[in-house]
Amino acid sequence: MRCIANTGLVLCLGAFFMVPAVAQDFPKGPVKVIVPFVAGGPTDAMARMVGAKLQEIWGQPVVMEYKPGAGTVLGVDAVAKSPPDGYTVGIVPAALTVNPSLRKSMPYDTVKDISGVTQLVATHLALVTGPKAPFNTVAELVAYAKSNPGKVSFGSPGVGGTAHLAGELLKRTAGFEMEHIPYKGSAQAIADLMGGRIDLMFDALSSALPFVKSGKFKMIATNGARRAPGNEQYPTVAETFPGFEVTSLLGMIIPSAAPRPIVRRIQADTAKALNMPDVKKIIEAAGSEVVGSTPEQFDALIQRELMKWAKVVAAAGIPKE
């Protein structure tokens, strides 16, 4: 019996020490990156840039696979149902944490079937108004809306997107009302904001800045927990209304059963890629910040965002699809 027990102990110890070794040898073949959009958009650009650097680090091909549809649900589902060996990861936007609150049913459980590898970047949003808006700060906006019930409106590219939910969160945090005007994309919303047909909108900082610099928009705040690097002259909404934070996260996910040592290896190498000077320069020029968080930090963020947006969607009365 002692011999059998000792043999079992040796086998267990061997398996224990072998797992980190497997992570050190990872990857031994191509790694697939699932992008839940069609090729050519900003998420694809980030995935390709990081993928190219990982290919250099690993000496193995990093291949993009596009699975658009259902507001990123199809792509995330493909990641969740892929073999949990580390050879398939996904790049996901904030929709990952919003979709469960907007849909009657989901083909995967965001908490149980998916694990975070790392938050790649945090993209700052801008709260912008038309050039003739009668307010120049968030406090003035709220005061104006309270003094003029039913007169303030905000636009967004569509129901349930980050720009829409940011407006609903602002209403909830600051305690005032404004009407949501949904559009089919950003172009018409931007045109109506410049023309004074809507009063404000939330947009990616990088998209808003050219309009601000040309005088077509006024930026009254940014939406992060702290002021946006390179644009510190603009206050955050949270400086007036503490607790308000909306950053358009972009992260890497993996099937939840993937070995943790391999997940940590992917995270470490991805963080290394993100912090390469040429990559960091491109990210910051686009109005984003490099994050490169640990798997545990990203999982915690996903949990917080799931709860936050569930409350916002419920309070706004947005019907599930």
Protein backbone atom coordinates (compact mmCIF):
# COMPACT_ATOMS: atom_id res chain seq x y z
CA MET A 1 0.00 0.00 0.00
CA ARG A 2 2.85 2.38 0.88
CA CYS A 3 4.40 1.72 -2.53
CA ILE A 4 1.11 2.54 -4.28
CA ALA A 5 0.64 5.69 -2.21
CA ASN A 6 4.19 6.84 -2.92
CA THR A 7 3.71 6.19 -6.62
CA GLY A 8 0.55 8.29 -6.56
CA LEU A 9 2.38 11.10 -4.79
CA VAL A 10 5.14 11.08 -7.39
CA LEU A 11 2.59 11.19 -10.21
CA CYS A 12 0.72 14.08 -8.55
CA LEU A 13 3.90 16.05 -7.96
CA GLY A 14 4.98 15.38 -11.51
CA ALA A 15 1.69 16.72 -12.84
CA PHE A 16 1.95 19.76 -10.54
CA PHE A 17 5.38 20.75 -11.80
CA MET A 18 4.52 19.92 -15.39
CA VAL A 19 1.72 22.53 -15.69
CA PRO A 20 4.02 25.58 -15.43
CA ALA A 21 6.39 23.84 -17.85
CA VAL A 22 3.53 23.48 -20.34
CA ALA A 23 2.86 27.21 -19.97
CA GLN A 24 6.53 27.96 -20.63
CA ASP A 25 6.38 25.92 -23.84
CA PHE A 26 3.13 27.59 -24.95
CA PRO A 27 2.26 27.98 -27.76
CA LYS A 28 3.47 25.12 -29.91
CA GLY A 29 1.22 26.01 -32.83
CA PRO A 30 -1.08 28.71 -34.24
CA VAL A 31 -3.25 30.73 -31.86
CA LYS A 32 -6.67 31.87 -33.08
CA VAL A 33 -8.10 35.26 -32.11
CA ILE A 34 -11.86 35.54 -32.56
CA VAL A 35 -13.09 39.05 -33.35
CA PRO A 36 -16.89 39.47 -32.98
CA PHE A 37 -17.11 42.01 -35.82
CA VAL A 38 -16.42 42.17 -39.53
CA ALA A 39 -12.85 42.95 -40.53
CA GLY A 40 -11.77 46.55 -40.76
CA GLY A 41 -13.16 48.20 -37.62
CA PRO A 42 -11.34 49.54 -34.55
CA THR A 43 -11.62 46.24 -32.66
CA ASP A 44 -10.07 44.43 -35.61
CA ALA A 45 -7.27 47.01 -35.77
CA MET A 46 -6.45 46.47 -32.10
CA ALA A 47 -6.62 42.68 -32.46
CA ARG A 48 -4.30 42.73 -35.46
CA MET A 49 -1.80 45.04 -33.81
CA VAL A 50 -1.60 43.00 -30.62
CA GLY A 51 -1.69 39.74 -32.58
CA ALA A 52 1.29 40.81 -34.69
CA LYS A 53 3.32 41.50 -31.55
CA LEU A 54 2.31 38.21 -29.94
CA GLN A 55 3.37 36.43 -33.12
CA GLU A 56 6.81 38.01 -32.74
CA ILE A 57 7.01 37.03 -29.06
CA TRP A 58 5.79 33.47 -29.56
CA GLY A 59 7.31 32.65 -32.92
CA GLN A 60 3.98 31.07 -33.88
CA PRO A 61 1.18 32.29 -36.18
CA VAL A 62 -1.60 34.36 -34.61
CA VAL A 63 -4.64 34.12 -36.86
CA MET A 64 -7.72 36.38 -36.88
CA GLU A 65 -11.16 34.80 -37.26
CA TYR A 66 -14.21 37.03 -37.70
CA LYS A 67 -17.57 36.01 -36.25
CA PRO A 68 -19.89 39.02 -36.38
CA GLY A 69 -23.52 38.99 -35.40
CA ALA A 70 -26.04 39.43 -32.59
CA GLY A 71 -24.18 42.33 -31.02
CA THR A 72 -20.98 40.26 -30.44
CA VAL A 73 -22.91 37.30 -28.96
CA LEU A 74 -21.96 34.93 -31.80
CA GLY A 75 -18.27 35.69 -31.48
CA VAL A 76 -18.22 35.38 -27.70
CA ASP A 77 -20.17 32.12 -27.93
CA ALA A 78 -17.54 30.75 -30.31
CA VAL A 79 -14.86 31.53 -27.73
CA ALA A 80 -16.86 30.03 -24.87
CA LYS A 81 -17.39 26.78 -26.79
CA SER A 82 -13.85 26.45 -28.15
CA PRO A 83 -11.39 23.87 -26.74
CA PRO A 84 -10.04 25.23 -23.43
CA ASP A 85 -6.41 24.74 -24.36
CA GLY A 86 -5.32 28.36 -24.76
CA TYR A 87 -5.19 28.21 -28.53
CA THR A 88 -8.40 30.23 -28.97
CA VAL A 89 -8.97 33.63 -27.40
CA GLY A 90 -11.39 36.44 -28.18
CA ILE A 91 -11.25 40.22 -28.27
CA VAL A 92 -14.40 41.78 -26.82
CA PRO A 93 -15.79 45.29 -26.25
CA ALA A 94 -18.06 46.53 -23.48
CA ALA A 95 -21.00 44.68 -25.08
CA LEU A 96 -19.73 41.60 -23.20
CA THR A 97 -21.07 43.06 -19.95
CA VAL A 98 -24.22 44.64 -21.40
CA ASN A 99 -25.70 41.87 -23.56
CA PRO A 100 -26.92 39.69 -20.66
CA SER A 101 -29.15 42.58 -19.54
CA LEU A 102 -30.49 43.30 -23.03
CA ARG A 103 -31.32 39.76 -24.23
CA LYS A 104 -33.98 37.33 -23.09
CA SER A 105 -31.64 34.38 -23.54
CA MET A 106 -27.92 33.88 -24.01
CA PRO A 107 -26.14 30.83 -25.48
CA TYR A 108 -23.43 31.10 -22.81
CA ASP A 109 -23.05 32.20 -19.20
CA THR A 110 -20.75 35.22 -19.10
CA VAL A 111 -19.52 34.38 -15.61
CA LYS A 112 -19.30 30.59 -15.78
CA ASP A 113 -18.21 29.94 -19.37
CA ILE A 114 -15.73 32.77 -19.93
CA SER A 115 -12.63 33.99 -18.12
CA GLY A 116 -10.88 37.27 -18.59
CA VAL A 117 -7.27 37.22 -19.76
CA THR A 118 -6.63 40.96 -19.62
CA GLN A 119 -8.25 44.30 -20.22
CA LEU A 120 -6.30 45.61 -23.19
CA VAL A 121 -7.23 49.28 -23.10
CA ALA A 122 -9.67 51.74 -21.57
CA THR A 123 -11.16 54.08 -24.15
CA HIS A 124 -12.20 57.46 -22.82
CA LEU A 125 -15.54 58.89 -23.85
CA ALA A 126 -16.42 62.55 -24.26
CA LEU A 127 -19.62 64.31 -23.28
CA VAL A 128 -20.15 66.81 -26.09
CA THR A 129 -22.74 69.43 -26.96
CA GLY A 130 -23.46 71.62 -29.96
CA PRO A 131 -21.58 74.92 -30.19
CA LYS A 132 -24.64 76.98 -29.18
CA ALA A 133 -25.74 74.86 -26.21
CA PRO A 134 -26.70 77.04 -23.20
CA PHE A 135 -24.43 75.10 -20.83
CA ASN A 136 -20.67 74.65 -20.59
CA THR A 137 -20.30 72.29 -17.63
CA VAL A 138 -22.03 69.16 -16.37
CA ALA A 139 -23.44 71.11 -13.42
CA GLU A 140 -24.90 73.70 -15.81
CA LEU A 141 -26.35 70.93 -17.99
CA VAL A 142 -28.15 69.33 -15.05
CA ALA A 143 -29.39 72.69 -13.75
CA TYR A 144 -30.68 73.61 -17.21
CA ALA A 145 -32.45 70.27 -17.63
CA LYS A 146 -34.13 70.61 -14.25
CA SER A 147 -35.25 74.16 -15.06
CA ASN A 148 -36.50 73.18 -18.51
CA PRO A 149 -38.28 69.82 -18.16
CA GLY A 150 -38.65 67.90 -21.40
CA LYS A 151 -36.37 70.18 -23.41
CA VAL A 152 -33.03 68.35 -23.17
CA SER A 153 -32.26 65.38 -25.42
CA PHE A 154 -29.25 63.22 -26.08
CA GLY A 155 -28.48 61.12 -29.12
CA SER A 156 -26.74 57.80 -29.56
CA PRO A 157 -25.94 55.38 -32.41
CA GLY A 158 -28.57 52.96 -31.11
CA VAL A 159 -30.47 51.50 -28.16
CA GLY A 160 -28.34 49.60 -25.66
CA GLY A 161 -24.96 50.81 -26.85
CA THR A 162 -22.34 52.42 -24.64
CA ALA A 163 -23.35 55.95 -25.68
CA HIS A 164 -27.00 55.28 -24.82
CA LEU A 165 -26.28 53.63 -21.49
CA ALA A 166 -23.83 56.39 -20.54
CA GLY A 167 -26.70 58.87 -20.87
CA GLU A 168 -29.00 56.69 -18.79
CA LEU A 169 -26.31 56.34 -16.12
CA LEU A 170 -25.80 60.11 -16.06
CA LYS A 171 -29.54 60.65 -15.56
CA ARG A 172 -29.55 58.13 -12.73
CA THR A 173 -26.41 59.47 -11.06
CA ALA A 174 -27.26 63.18 -11.31
CA GLY A 175 -31.00 62.84 -10.73
CA PHE A 176 -32.49 64.55 -13.77
CA GLU A 177 -34.34 63.68 -16.97
CA MET A 178 -33.49 63.99 -20.66
CA GLU A 179 -34.91 62.30 -23.73
CA HIS A 180 -32.95 59.65 -25.60
CA ILE A 181 -32.96 59.94 -29.39
CA PRO A 182 -31.60 56.74 -30.99
CA TYR A 183 -30.05 56.83 -34.46
CA LYS A 184 -28.92 54.15 -36.88
CA GLY A 185 -25.24 54.95 -36.51
CA SER A 186 -23.21 57.98 -35.47
CA ALA A 187 -23.26 60.09 -38.64
CA GLN A 188 -26.80 61.42 -38.33
CA ALA A 189 -26.46 61.92 -34.58
CA ILE A 190 -23.34 64.03 -35.16
CA ALA A 191 -25.11 66.07 -37.86
CA ASP A 192 -28.10 66.70 -35.59
CA LEU A 193 -25.86 67.70 -32.68
CA MET A 194 -24.04 70.24 -34.82
CA GLY A 195 -27.38 71.50 -36.11
CA GLY A 196 -28.86 71.89 -32.63
CA ARG A 197 -31.60 69.28 -33.11
CA ILE A 198 -30.28 67.33 -30.11
CA ASP A 199 -28.46 68.80 -27.13
CA LEU A 200 -25.67 66.36 -26.35
CA MET A 201 -24.18 62.96 -26.97
CA PHE A 202 -21.45 60.68 -25.72
CA ASP A 203 -18.73 59.77 -28.19
CA ALA A 204 -15.28 58.22 -28.19
CA LEU A 205 -12.76 60.90 -27.27
CA SER A 206 -10.72 60.27 -30.40
CA SER A 207 -13.81 60.71 -32.59
CA ALA A 208 -14.99 63.85 -30.79
CA LEU A 209 -11.70 65.76 -30.66
CA PRO A 210 -11.57 66.83 -34.34
CA PHE A 211 -15.07 68.32 -34.01
CA VAL A 212 -14.11 70.04 -30.75
CA LYS A 213 -10.96 71.53 -32.26
CA SER A 214 -12.90 72.81 -35.28
CA GLY A 215 -15.51 74.46 -33.05
CA LYS A 216 -18.36 72.21 -34.16
CA PHE A 217 -18.67 70.57 -30.71
CA LYS A 218 -18.14 71.74 -27.16
CA MET A 219 -16.66 69.13 -24.84
CA ILE A 220 -17.92 69.64 -21.32
CA ALA A 221 -16.48 66.50 -19.69
CA THR A 222 -14.89 63.11 -20.12
CA ASN A 223 -16.33 59.96 -18.61
CA GLY A 224 -13.46 58.09 -16.97
CA ALA A 225 -12.51 57.75 -13.32
CA ARG A 226 -9.72 60.26 -13.96
CA ARG A 227 -8.97 62.87 -16.58
CA ALA A 228 -7.95 61.58 -19.98
CA PRO A 229 -4.18 61.59 -20.60
CA GLY A 230 -3.26 64.35 -23.03
CA ASN A 231 -6.62 66.04 -22.50
CA GLU A 232 -6.42 66.90 -18.81
CA GLN A 233 -8.00 70.31 -19.42
CA TYR A 234 -11.38 68.60 -19.59
CA PRO A 235 -12.88 67.62 -16.21
CA THR A 236 -14.54 64.27 -15.61
CA VAL A 237 -18.23 63.91 -14.92
CA ALA A 238 -17.23 62.23 -11.64
CA GLU A 239 -15.68 65.47 -10.39
CA THR A 240 -19.22 66.86 -10.25
CA PHE A 241 -21.13 63.63 -9.68
CA PRO A 242 -18.92 61.08 -7.86
CA GLY A 243 -19.41 57.48 -8.89
CA PHE A 244 -20.07 58.17 -12.54
CA GLU A 245 -17.65 56.23 -14.73
CA VAL A 246 -18.04 54.93 -18.26
CA THR A 247 -15.02 53.71 -20.15
CA SER A 248 -15.42 51.61 -23.24
CA LEU A 249 -13.38 48.60 -22.19
CA LEU A 250 -11.74 46.30 -24.70
CA GLY A 251 -10.43 43.00 -23.42
CA MET A 252 -9.24 39.49 -24.17
CA ILE A 253 -11.23 36.46 -23.04
CA ILE A 254 -10.73 32.70 -23.02
CA PRO A 255 -12.84 29.62 -22.14
CA SER A 256 -13.14 29.39 -18.36
CA ALA A 257 -11.65 25.88 -18.24
CA ALA A 258 -8.35 26.97 -19.82
CA PRO A 259 -5.35 26.12 -17.58
CA ARG A 260 -4.51 29.09 -15.37
CA PRO A 261 -0.75 28.94 -16.03
CA ILE A 262 -1.44 29.27 -19.76
CA VAL A 263 -3.89 32.13 -19.13
CA ARG A 264 -1.19 33.91 -17.12
CA ARG A 265 1.35 33.33 -19.88
CA ILE A 266 -0.97 34.86 -22.47
CA GLN A 267 -1.70 37.80 -20.17
CA ALA A 268 1.97 38.48 -19.46
CA ASP A 269 2.90 38.39 -23.13
CA THR A 270 -0.09 40.51 -24.11
CA ALA A 271 0.82 43.13 -21.50
CA LYS A 272 4.35 43.10 -22.88
CA ALA A 273 2.99 43.69 -26.39
CA LEU A 274 0.72 46.52 -25.23
CA ASN A 275 3.59 48.33 -23.56
CA MET A 276 5.89 48.24 -26.56
CA PRO A 277 6.58 51.92 -27.42
CA ASP A 278 5.13 51.79 -30.94
CA VAL A 279 1.94 50.06 -29.77
CA LYS A 280 1.50 52.34 -26.77
CA LYS A 281 1.94 55.42 -28.95
CA ILE A 282 -0.82 54.30 -31.34
CA ILE A 283 -3.19 53.46 -28.48
CA GLU A 284 -2.71 56.79 -26.72
CA ALA A 285 -3.05 58.72 -29.98
CA ALA A 286 -6.49 57.12 -30.34
CA GLY A 287 -7.59 58.50 -26.97
CA SER A 288 -7.17 55.24 -25.05
CA GLU A 289 -4.99 54.05 -22.20
CA VAL A 290 -3.01 50.83 -22.03
CA VAL A 291 -4.23 48.64 -19.16
CA GLY A 292 -2.85 45.08 -19.42
CA SER A 293 -4.56 43.99 -16.20
CA THR A 294 -4.21 40.58 -14.58
CA PRO A 295 -6.84 37.88 -15.24
CA GLU A 296 -8.17 38.39 -11.71
CA GLN A 297 -8.48 42.15 -12.18
CA PHE A 298 -10.28 41.76 -15.49
CA ASP A 299 -12.66 39.13 -14.09
CA ALA A 300 -13.49 41.50 -11.22
CA LEU A 301 -14.13 44.34 -13.68
CA ILE A 302 -16.43 42.13 -15.76
CA GLN A 303 -18.43 41.28 -12.62
CA ARG A 304 -18.74 44.95 -11.62
CA GLU A 305 -19.77 46.03 -15.11
CA LEU A 306 -22.36 43.24 -15.38
CA MET A 307 -24.01 44.43 -12.16
CA LYS A 308 -23.76 48.14 -13.05
CA TRP A 309 -25.34 47.82 -16.47
CA ALA A 310 -28.05 45.44 -15.23
CA LYS A 311 -29.19 48.18 -12.84
CA VAL A 312 -29.01 50.90 -15.50
CA VAL A 313 -30.94 48.85 -18.09
CA ALA A 314 -33.62 47.96 -15.54
CA ALA A 315 -33.98 51.57 -14.34
CA ALA A 316 -34.24 52.82 -17.93
CA GLY A 317 -36.91 50.25 -18.76
CA ILE A 318 -35.09 49.04 -21.86
CA PRO A 319 -36.98 45.97 -23.13
CA LYS A 320 -35.07 42.75 -23.67
CA GLU A 321 -34.76 41.43 -27.20
